[in-house]
């Protein structure tokens, strides 16, 4: 069954959800395609790089080391809950302490920080034309008629959307969440939406208040993670690239993509370059949101 929704960008309320018989935060939709063996192997490989996992209200934050100094944190939590405020410009230790302020730091985190400090890399260079701090692709807007499933499946107003509207998403993730600026903030996007950034640090949050969805993370051109999210949940990643021998910040190309959405999802995030969110914005970039 192909379920698509009209694309709406702006402060609007996504108020339609397909009936699946599932409650918010329950299992991912039965309509979601299974991961291929290759994609499952990617997830299994990432698990071998896990440094720590912290339980938060209704969800978790998992920390990984892709290589020395290159860290990501995967987040999952229910809509309406207080989100994990991982610092945009923070280090691995600061990010871990943001969700686990008390107790001892896991040995795996401590060793990863030591490997980051010991690494010696030369500054990386790329052609100027390849530097695009934030580029978001969104599928073409569909006509209202095309948003109705061909099979005539019944639709209803989302119980979630009636109490957790666009203001909750916007105030938490589009209004300087974890950093000074947000590069992209879309209130309702469909399958195929993606954002690509070439920066030192990034953050992405996606929420499914009208259905389940799947996200994919690519790092430096390599697929690193596939994550399924149930109706009523949010998720995304925090990333932190390595430093060179002199402490300079190295950049990585990071792509966040909605590879499947039952209906539509909310999609927001940002990237930081050299601790300055504005340094690598292209000429004429609109800073207002």
Foldseek 3Di string as FASTA:
>chain_A
DDAEAFFDFDFDWDWKAFDQVDDAQDDAGPPDDDDDPVQVVLAVVQVVFWQDKADDAAWIKTKGDPDQAKIKIKTKHFPPDQGQQQAQPDGLVSRVCSRVVDDDDGPSSVVSVVSLLPDAADADDDPPVPAAAKDKDADDGDDRVVNQDPVRRDMDTQPQSVPRTSVSVCVCFQCQRNHDHWDDKGAWTFAWIKMKGWAFKKWKKKAAQRHKFKKWKDKQNRTRHIDIGGHRMMMIMIIGHGAHNVRAGHIIIMMMGTNHTNYIMIIIMAHHHRNHRPPRHDPPDDRDD
